[in-house]
Protein backbone atom coordinates (compact mmCIF):
# COMPACT_ATOMS: atom_id res chain seq x y z
CA MET A 1 -8.68 -2.85 -22.50
CA VAL A 2 -7.51 0.29 -20.68
CA SER A 3 -9.92 3.19 -20.74
CA PRO A 4 -8.37 6.10 -22.68
CA ARG A 5 -7.18 9.08 -20.65
CA SER A 6 -9.01 12.33 -21.33
CA GLY A 7 -7.25 15.68 -21.34
CA SER A 8 -3.75 16.99 -21.88
CA LEU A 9 -0.55 15.85 -20.12
CA LYS A 10 0.35 19.50 -19.49
CA GLU A 11 -3.04 20.71 -18.27
CA SER A 12 -3.61 21.34 -14.56
CA VAL A 13 -7.07 20.43 -13.28
CA GLU A 14 -8.95 20.11 -10.02
CA LEU A 15 -8.09 16.63 -8.75
CA LEU A 16 -9.98 16.57 -5.46
CA ARG A 17 -12.69 18.60 -3.75
CA ILE A 18 -13.89 18.02 -0.18
CA GLU A 19 -16.79 20.11 1.07
CA THR A 20 -17.56 20.26 4.81
CA ASP A 21 -19.50 22.46 7.19
CA LEU A 22 -16.27 24.06 8.50
CA PHE A 23 -14.15 24.40 5.35
CA ASP A 24 -13.70 23.34 1.73
CA LEU A 25 -10.51 21.67 0.52
CA TYR A 26 -9.23 21.67 -3.05
CA ILE A 27 -6.20 20.00 -4.66
CA GLN A 28 -5.21 20.99 -8.18
CA GLY A 29 -2.49 19.54 -10.41
CA LYS A 30 -1.72 17.42 -13.43
CA PRO A 31 -3.59 14.09 -13.34
CA PHE A 32 -1.14 12.50 -15.79
CA HIS A 33 2.58 11.88 -15.83
CA PRO A 34 4.28 11.81 -19.24
CA THR A 35 6.69 9.02 -18.30
CA VAL A 36 3.87 6.88 -16.91
CA GLU A 37 1.90 7.31 -20.10
CA ALA A 38 4.93 6.57 -22.28
CA LEU A 39 5.88 3.41 -20.35
CA HIS A 40 2.29 2.28 -19.96
CA LEU A 41 2.66 1.80 -16.19
CA HIS A 42 0.20 0.98 -13.39
CA ARG A 43 -1.97 -1.47 -15.27
CA THR A 44 -3.34 -4.81 -14.15
CA PRO A 45 -2.64 -8.05 -16.05
CA ALA A 46 -6.04 -7.46 -17.69
CA GLU A 47 -4.76 -4.08 -18.93
CA GLU A 48 -7.05 -2.12 -16.62
CA TRP A 49 -5.85 0.80 -14.51
CA VAL A 50 -4.88 -0.22 -10.98
CA GLN A 51 -7.06 1.17 -8.22
CA ALA A 52 -5.55 3.98 -6.13
CA THR A 53 -6.16 4.62 -2.44
CA LEU A 54 -8.01 7.76 -1.40
CA GLU A 55 -9.46 7.89 2.11
CA VAL A 56 -11.28 10.79 3.75
CA ILE A 57 -11.54 10.29 7.53
CA PRO A 58 -13.44 13.07 9.34
CA ALA A 59 -13.61 13.60 13.10
CA ALA A 60 -16.92 13.36 14.91
CA ARG A 61 -17.44 17.13 15.01
CA LEU A 62 -16.90 17.56 11.24
CA SER A 63 -19.69 17.01 8.74
CA VAL A 64 -18.54 16.13 5.22
CA THR A 65 -21.15 17.11 2.65
CA ALA A 66 -19.39 16.08 -0.58
CA VAL A 67 -16.19 14.39 -1.80
CA LYS A 68 -15.41 14.56 -5.49
CA VAL A 69 -12.34 13.12 -7.23
CA PHE A 70 -11.06 13.60 -10.76
CA SER A 71 -11.77 10.78 -13.19
CA PRO A 72 -8.92 10.56 -15.74
CA ALA A 73 -11.08 8.46 -18.03
CA ARG A 74 -13.98 10.95 -18.06
CA GLY A 75 -11.90 14.11 -17.61
CA MET A 76 -14.11 15.52 -14.86
CA LEU A 77 -14.87 15.38 -11.13
CA VAL A 78 -17.10 12.52 -9.97
CA GLU A 79 -18.47 11.57 -6.58
CA LEU A 80 -16.09 9.38 -4.55
CA GLY A 81 -17.31 5.80 -4.85
CA GLU A 82 -19.07 6.34 -8.13
CA GLU A 83 -16.21 4.59 -9.93
CA PRO A 84 -12.83 3.10 -8.93
CA VAL A 85 -10.23 5.73 -8.05
CA GLN A 86 -7.46 5.78 -10.64
CA PRO A 87 -3.87 7.01 -10.11
CA SER A 88 -3.73 10.81 -10.22
CA PHE A 89 -0.94 11.71 -7.79
CA TYR A 90 2.69 11.08 -8.75
CA GLU A 91 6.18 11.69 -7.45
CA ASN A 92 8.08 14.86 -8.48
CA GLN A 93 4.95 16.76 -9.47
CA ASN A 94 3.50 19.92 -7.93
CA TYR A 95 0.02 19.91 -6.42
CA GLU A 96 -1.64 23.08 -5.19
CA LEU A 97 -3.60 22.70 -1.96
CA VAL A 98 -6.26 25.28 -1.09
CA ILE A 99 -8.35 25.30 2.10
CA LEU A 100 -11.18 27.82 2.36
CA LYS A 101 -12.44 28.41 5.91
CA LYS A 102 -16.16 28.79 6.66
CA VAL A 103 -15.84 29.54 10.38
CA ASP A 104 -13.92 32.13 12.35
CA LYS A 105 -11.62 29.63 14.06
CA SER A 106 -7.95 28.69 13.83
CA LEU A 107 -7.39 26.21 11.01
CA THR A 108 -3.97 24.64 10.35
CA PHE A 109 -2.44 22.08 8.01
CA HIS A 110 -0.24 19.28 9.37
CA HIS A 111 2.05 16.70 7.79
CA GLU A 112 4.77 14.54 9.32
CA ASN A 113 7.29 16.00 6.89
CA VAL A 114 8.40 19.46 8.01
CA LEU A 115 8.92 20.72 4.43
CA LEU A 116 5.38 19.80 3.39
CA ARG A 117 4.04 21.19 6.66
CA GLN A 118 5.73 24.52 6.09
CA ALA A 119 4.65 24.67 2.43
CA VAL A 120 1.01 25.38 3.31
CA LYS A 121 0.55 28.82 4.90
CA PRO A 122 -2.33 31.21 5.64
CA LEU A 123 -3.23 33.70 2.94
CA GLY A 124 -5.51 36.31 4.43
CA GLN A 125 -7.99 35.41 7.15
CA ASN A 126 -9.96 32.64 5.47
CA LEU A 127 -7.47 30.90 3.19
CA LEU A 128 -4.70 28.34 3.53
CA THR A 129 -2.72 27.53 0.41
CA GLY A 130 0.55 26.02 -0.70
CA VAL A 131 2.25 23.74 -3.23
CA LEU A 132 2.97 20.12 -2.28
CA ASN A 133 5.69 18.10 -3.98
CA PHE A 134 6.44 14.60 -2.70
CA GLN A 135 9.73 14.48 -4.62
CA ASN A 136 11.00 10.90 -5.03
CA GLU A 137 8.86 9.39 -2.26
CA VAL A 138 6.00 7.07 -3.17
CA GLY A 139 3.34 5.23 -1.22
CA TYR A 140 0.74 6.52 1.21
CA THR A 141 0.78 10.02 2.65
CA ASP A 142 -1.52 11.55 5.27
CA LEU A 143 -2.65 15.17 5.09
CA GLU A 144 -4.22 16.36 8.33
CA ILE A 145 -6.41 19.41 8.90
CA ARG A 146 -6.59 20.72 12.46
CA LEU A 147 -9.17 23.04 14.00
CA GLU A 148 -8.05 24.88 17.15
CA GLY A 149 -5.11 22.46 17.33
CA GLN A 150 -7.27 19.31 17.20
CA PRO A 151 -7.44 16.99 14.13
CA VAL A 152 -10.77 17.20 12.29
CA LEU A 153 -9.90 15.60 8.94
CA ASN A 154 -7.35 13.07 7.75
CA LEU A 155 -6.85 12.70 4.02
CA ARG A 156 -4.85 9.69 2.82
CA LEU A 157 -3.49 9.79 -0.72
CA GLU A 158 -1.46 7.26 -2.66
CA ILE A 159 1.56 8.67 -4.48
CA PHE A 160 2.58 6.58 -7.48
CA PRO A 161 6.11 6.24 -8.94
CA SER A 162 6.78 7.53 -12.42
CA LYS A 163 9.46 5.09 -13.56
CA LEU A 164 8.40 1.78 -12.00
CA ASP A 165 5.25 -0.24 -12.11
CA TYR A 166 3.92 0.26 -8.59
CA GLN A 167 2.41 -3.17 -8.04
CA LYS A 168 4.74 -5.26 -10.17
CA ASP A 169 8.20 -3.77 -9.68
CA TYR A 170 8.22 -1.42 -6.70
CA GLN A 171 6.19 -3.63 -4.37
CA LEU A 172 8.33 -6.63 -5.34
CA ILE A 173 11.50 -4.71 -4.45
CA LEU A 174 10.03 -3.73 -1.08
CA GLN A 175 9.01 -7.31 -0.39
CA GLU A 176 12.48 -8.63 -1.18
CA VAL A 177 14.13 -5.99 1.04
CA ASN A 178 11.75 -6.71 3.93
CA GLU A 179 12.34 -10.45 3.64
CA GLN A 180 16.10 -9.95 3.64
CA VAL A 181 15.98 -7.74 6.74
CA TYR A 182 13.69 -10.23 8.48
CA ASN A 183 15.98 -13.14 7.67
CA LEU A 184 19.06 -11.22 8.80
CA ALA A 185 17.38 -10.44 12.10
CA PHE A 186 16.08 -13.88 12.96
CA ASP A 187 18.29 -16.36 11.15
CA PHE A 188 21.31 -15.44 13.29
CA LEU A 189 19.76 -17.28 16.23
CA ARG A 190 20.81 -20.52 14.62
CA LYS A 191 23.28 -19.47 11.90
CA THR A 192 25.28 -16.60 13.30
CA TYR A 193 28.30 -17.32 11.11
CA GLN A 194 26.40 -16.48 7.92
CA LEU A 195 25.93 -12.83 8.83
CA THR A 196 29.51 -11.78 8.05
CA GLY A 197 29.04 -12.96 4.49
CA LEU A 198 25.75 -11.12 4.05
CA ARG A 199 26.91 -7.74 5.27
CA GLU A 200 27.23 -4.97 2.70
CA THR A 201 27.56 -1.94 5.02
CA GLN A 202 29.32 -1.60 8.34
CA HIS A 203 26.68 0.42 10.14
CA GLN A 204 22.99 1.07 9.97
CA SER A 205 22.26 4.75 9.30
CA LEU A 206 20.59 6.84 11.99
CA THR A 207 17.70 7.49 9.61
CA GLU A 208 17.05 3.78 9.21
CA PHE A 209 17.49 3.26 12.94
CA PHE A 210 14.99 5.99 13.85
CA THR A 211 12.43 4.93 11.24
CA ILE A 212 12.38 1.35 12.53
CA LEU A 213 12.48 2.49 16.17
CA MET A 214 9.39 4.70 15.69
CA SER A 215 7.41 1.72 14.44
CA VAL A 216 8.27 -0.49 17.43
CA PHE A 217 8.93 2.07 20.19
CA ARG A 218 5.56 1.80 21.90
CA GLN A 219 5.66 -2.01 21.92
CA LEU A 220 9.30 -2.00 23.00
CA SER A 221 8.78 0.33 25.97
CA GLY A 222 5.57 -1.49 26.89
CA ALA A 223 7.45 -4.78 26.99
CA VAL A 224 10.05 -3.28 29.36
CA GLU A 225 7.26 -2.10 31.65
CA ARG A 226 5.79 -5.61 31.66
CA ILE A 227 9.17 -6.95 32.73
CA GLN A 228 9.14 -4.46 35.61
CA ALA A 229 6.09 -6.22 37.09
CA ALA A 230 8.06 -9.48 37.41
CA PRO A 231 11.74 -8.89 36.61
CA HIS A 232 14.10 -11.80 36.25
CA HIS A 233 16.18 -12.34 39.39
CA ARG A 234 18.20 -14.85 41.35
CA LEU A 235 18.44 -15.63 45.07
CA LEU A 236 21.89 -15.22 46.57
CA PRO A 237 22.84 -16.62 49.99
CA VAL A 238 23.92 -13.95 52.49
CA GLN A 239 25.60 -14.90 55.76
CA GLU A 240 25.50 -12.60 58.76
CA ILE A 241 26.80 -13.07 62.30
CA ARG A 242 24.07 -12.07 64.72
CA ARG A 243 23.17 -12.47 68.36
CA ALA A 244 21.95 -16.00 68.99
CA GLU A 245 18.48 -14.97 70.17
CA GLN A 246 17.93 -13.05 66.90
CA VAL A 247 18.73 -15.97 64.64
CA LYS A 248 15.61 -17.68 63.29
CA ARG A 249 17.30 -20.50 61.42
CA ALA A 250 20.75 -21.76 62.36
CA GLY A 251 22.36 -23.87 59.67
CA LYS A 252 24.83 -26.74 60.01
CA GLY A 253 27.68 -24.38 59.28
CA ASN A 254 27.45 -23.07 62.84
CA GLN A 255 29.07 -26.25 64.21
CA ALA A 256 32.32 -25.56 62.39
CA TYR A 257 32.03 -21.86 63.16
CA LEU A 258 31.69 -22.42 66.93
CA ALA A 259 34.49 -25.00 66.88
CA LYS A 260 36.80 -22.28 65.54
CA HIS A 261 35.42 -19.64 67.88
CA PRO A 262 34.93 -21.31 71.29
CA HIS A 263 34.94 -17.93 73.02
CA LEU A 264 31.41 -17.44 71.68
CA LEU A 265 30.17 -20.22 73.97
CA VAL A 266 29.13 -19.49 77.57
CA GLN A 267 28.27 -22.07 80.20
CA ASP A 268 24.56 -22.13 80.91
CA GLU A 269 23.15 -25.16 82.71
CA GLU A 270 19.57 -23.94 82.37
CA HIS A 271 19.38 -22.78 78.73
CA GLY A 272 22.42 -24.45 77.22
CA VAL A 273 21.96 -26.53 74.08
CA LEU A 274 25.48 -27.91 73.62
CA SER A 275 27.00 -30.49 75.97
CA PHE A 276 30.74 -30.96 76.32
CA GLN A 277 32.61 -32.92 79.02
CA GLY A 278 29.54 -32.95 81.29
CA LYS A 279 28.87 -29.22 80.99
CA THR A 280 26.16 -27.37 79.02
CA TYR A 281 26.96 -24.35 76.87
CA ARG A 282 24.96 -21.69 75.09
CA PRO A 283 26.22 -19.75 72.01
CA ILE A 284 26.03 -15.98 72.12
CA ARG A 285 26.71 -15.47 68.38
CA LEU A 286 25.60 -17.55 65.39
CA ILE A 287 25.70 -17.40 61.61
CA GLU A 288 22.34 -16.77 59.97
CA THR A 289 22.02 -17.55 56.26
CA ARG A 290 19.38 -15.59 54.38
CA ARG A 291 18.38 -15.31 50.72
CA ARG A 292 18.73 -11.95 49.00
CA ILE A 293 17.02 -11.05 45.71
CA ASP A 294 19.60 -10.05 43.11
CA TYR A 295 18.61 -8.47 39.79
CA ASP A 296 22.14 -8.44 38.34
CA THR A 297 21.42 -11.17 35.78
CA ALA A 298 22.53 -11.57 32.18
CA GLU A 299 19.01 -10.77 30.98
CA ASN A 300 18.76 -7.53 32.95
CA ARG A 301 22.28 -6.53 31.88
CA PHE A 302 21.21 -6.94 28.27
CA LEU A 303 18.07 -4.88 28.94
CA SER A 304 20.05 -2.07 30.56
CA TRP A 305 22.64 -2.12 27.76
CA MET A 306 19.92 -2.05 25.09
CA ILE A 307 18.21 1.00 26.62
CA SER A 308 21.53 2.82 27.02
CA ARG A 309 22.43 2.09 23.41
CA ILE A 310 19.12 3.45 22.11
CA ILE A 311 19.47 6.58 24.27
CA SER A 312 22.98 7.14 22.91
CA LYS A 313 21.82 6.86 19.29
CA LEU A 314 18.84 9.15 19.83
CA LYS A 315 21.08 11.78 21.42
CA ASP A 316 23.45 11.50 18.46
CA LEU A 317 20.52 11.92 16.07
CA ARG A 318 19.30 14.96 18.02
CA ARG A 319 22.74 16.58 17.82
CA ARG A 320 22.86 16.04 14.07
CA VAL A 321 19.37 17.49 13.59
CA LEU A 322 20.36 20.64 15.49
CA SER A 323 23.65 20.95 13.58
CA GLN A 324 21.94 21.03 10.18
CA GLU A 325 22.01 24.28 8.28
CA ARG A 326 18.30 24.15 7.51
CA LEU A 327 15.66 24.90 10.12
CA PRO A 328 15.23 21.92 12.51
CA ASP A 329 11.82 20.29 12.58
CA PRO A 330 10.30 21.17 16.00
CA LEU A 331 7.93 18.19 15.77
CA LEU A 332 10.87 15.82 15.27
CA LEU A 333 12.72 17.39 18.21
CA ARG A 334 9.67 17.01 20.46
CA ARG A 335 9.34 13.38 19.43
CA LEU A 336 13.01 12.74 20.14
CA ASP A 337 12.77 14.45 23.53
CA GLY A 338 9.68 12.43 24.41
CA MET A 339 11.37 9.16 23.50
CA LEU A 340 14.52 10.11 25.42
CA SER A 341 12.47 11.04 28.48
CA ARG A 342 10.64 7.74 28.50
CA LEU A 343 13.80 5.70 27.93
CA THR A 344 15.60 7.55 30.73
CA ARG A 345 12.74 6.68 33.07
CA LEU A 346 12.96 3.02 32.02
CA ALA A 347 16.74 3.01 32.52
CA ASN A 348 16.24 4.22 36.11
CA LEU A 349 13.78 1.49 37.10
CA ASP A 350 14.68 -0.06 40.44
CA PHE A 351 15.57 -3.49 39.11
CA LEU A 352 17.93 -2.00 36.49
CA SER A 353 19.66 0.61 38.64
CA GLY A 354 22.17 -1.80 40.17
CA VAL A 355 22.99 -4.15 37.29
CA GLY A 356 26.55 -4.46 36.06
CA GLU A 357 28.08 -3.97 32.64
CA MET A 358 27.22 -6.44 29.90
CA LYS A 359 30.31 -8.30 28.74
CA GLN A 360 28.73 -10.83 26.39
CA ILE A 361 25.36 -11.70 24.89
CA SER A 362 23.99 -14.92 26.36
CA LEU A 363 21.03 -16.28 24.42
CA THR A 364 19.29 -17.75 27.46
CA LEU A 365 15.86 -19.35 27.43
CA VAL A 366 14.64 -16.51 29.66
CA LEU A 367 15.70 -13.95 27.07
CA GLN A 368 14.06 -15.85 24.23
CA MET A 369 10.95 -17.22 25.94
CA ALA A 370 9.94 -15.22 29.03
CA PRO A 371 7.02 -12.79 28.60
CA GLY A 372 8.27 -9.27 28.11
CA CYS A 373 11.88 -10.39 27.60
CA ARG A 374 10.90 -12.26 24.45
CA ASP A 375 9.16 -9.17 23.02
CA VAL A 376 12.04 -6.84 23.91
CA TYR A 377 14.51 -9.23 22.31
CA ARG A 378 12.43 -9.57 19.13
CA PHE A 379 11.89 -5.81 18.69
CA TYR A 380 15.57 -5.15 19.26
CA LEU A 381 16.57 -7.71 16.64
CA ILE A 382 14.30 -6.03 14.11
CA LYS A 383 15.73 -2.62 14.94
CA GLU A 384 19.45 -3.39 15.12
CA VAL A 385 20.48 -5.88 12.48
CA ASP A 386 23.90 -4.22 12.20
CA SER A 387 24.66 -4.99 15.85
CA PHE A 388 24.91 -8.69 15.10
CA HIS A 389 27.91 -8.16 12.86
CA SER A 390 29.86 -6.26 15.51
CA TRP A 391 28.85 -8.75 18.21
CA TYR A 392 30.04 -11.67 16.12
CA GLU A 393 33.32 -10.15 14.98
CA SER A 394 34.26 -8.89 18.47
CA GLY A 395 33.48 -12.22 20.13
CA LEU A 396 30.67 -10.69 22.17
CA LEU A 397 28.05 -13.09 20.87
CA PHE A 398 28.10 -16.66 22.18
CA LYS A 399 25.51 -19.33 21.57
C-alpha cells in the first residue's frame, strides 16, 4: 500500500538542497498538494507513489559535495538515491529558490521562460533568491546556474499536475494528440481527401509553429545544406551560332540551317567539307548545341518557397513579440534573429537564387526519396500540418 505522507498540507519545508564548492542551492515549498491528496493521484497500479525525475548535472569545473531531497514519507531530507524520489513539485504552487555564493564571481540563474528567469534576482553580494511558480505547465523543467556566463549546473525537475493522474490521464492525452498530429502529417501522402474532414481549426497558431520549428530547426537547416552539396538539377539544351572553327561538336541540325542560310558557305577547294555541283564549300558559321545546368526544378521551387514561408512566419512572430505590452524576452528575440539570419543565408544559396515561383506541389520521387530532400520534406510536414488543408482546398496539391 501507499506509504503515508508525513507533515501538513500547509507547511512549507526545504524540498531540495545542493551543496557544491562554488555555491549552495536551496528550494523550499509545500511538498503536498491538497487536490492531489484528495483525489489520490500519482499512484501506480500497485498503489505505490510514482517515481519523480530529479537530475543534477554539474559541469566539469563544479564539484558537488551533497544532494539531499525531501522524502514525503519520512518528512525529512535524505540523500539523493537513498530512496525513490516521490512527487514534490506541482503546478500552481510557489517554490522559493535560494542560491548562496561561496566565491567572489558572477553567478546568475537561467531558465528558458523569461518570467521564471526574471523572478530570481541578486539580494546583496552573495545571494540569489526568488519565487518560482510554474502555473499550469507540467512536465520537465530545467533550472540552470551560470558562473561568469557559463553553465556550471543543470537541475531538472518534474512538475506534476494537480487535477490529472500524470501517468494515466495526462500522458495518455499527450500520446493521443501526438498520434493525431503524426497521422495528419503523413497520411495525406496517400489520402489527401481525408484532411478536410479532420480539420478543426483553419490555421496553426504561431506559438505551435515556433515550438515545433525549434525542435526540428537544426535538422531542417542541416538537410538544406546537404542538398547544397548536390542540388537537384536538369540539363537544358542551349543552341548558339558561333564561328565554325570554334564549334567542337556540330549536330545534324546544321544541314537544315545551312540550307536556309547559303550565304554562310564560302568556296574553299582546300579545306571545304561540303560538295555541291562539283565545287567544295566551307561553312563560316555553325550551330553548336551545349548542355546547361538548370536548377529551376519543382523540388528546388518547393525548397525556396518553404524557406520563404518560414521566414515570413518568424518575422510575423517577431513583430508580435515586440508589440506586446509586457517586456519582450531578449533571449527569444536573439533566437528569432539567429534563425532568421540562417534562413536568409539558406535562401540566398546559389542554386536557389534563380528558381521561379512555385505554382503547385508535385510529390515527385526526388522530393520523397532523395537524401536531404526527403528530410526537408518530412520535417516540413511535421511542422506545417495546417498547410495541407489550404493546399488541398486551393487546388495547389496534386498527386
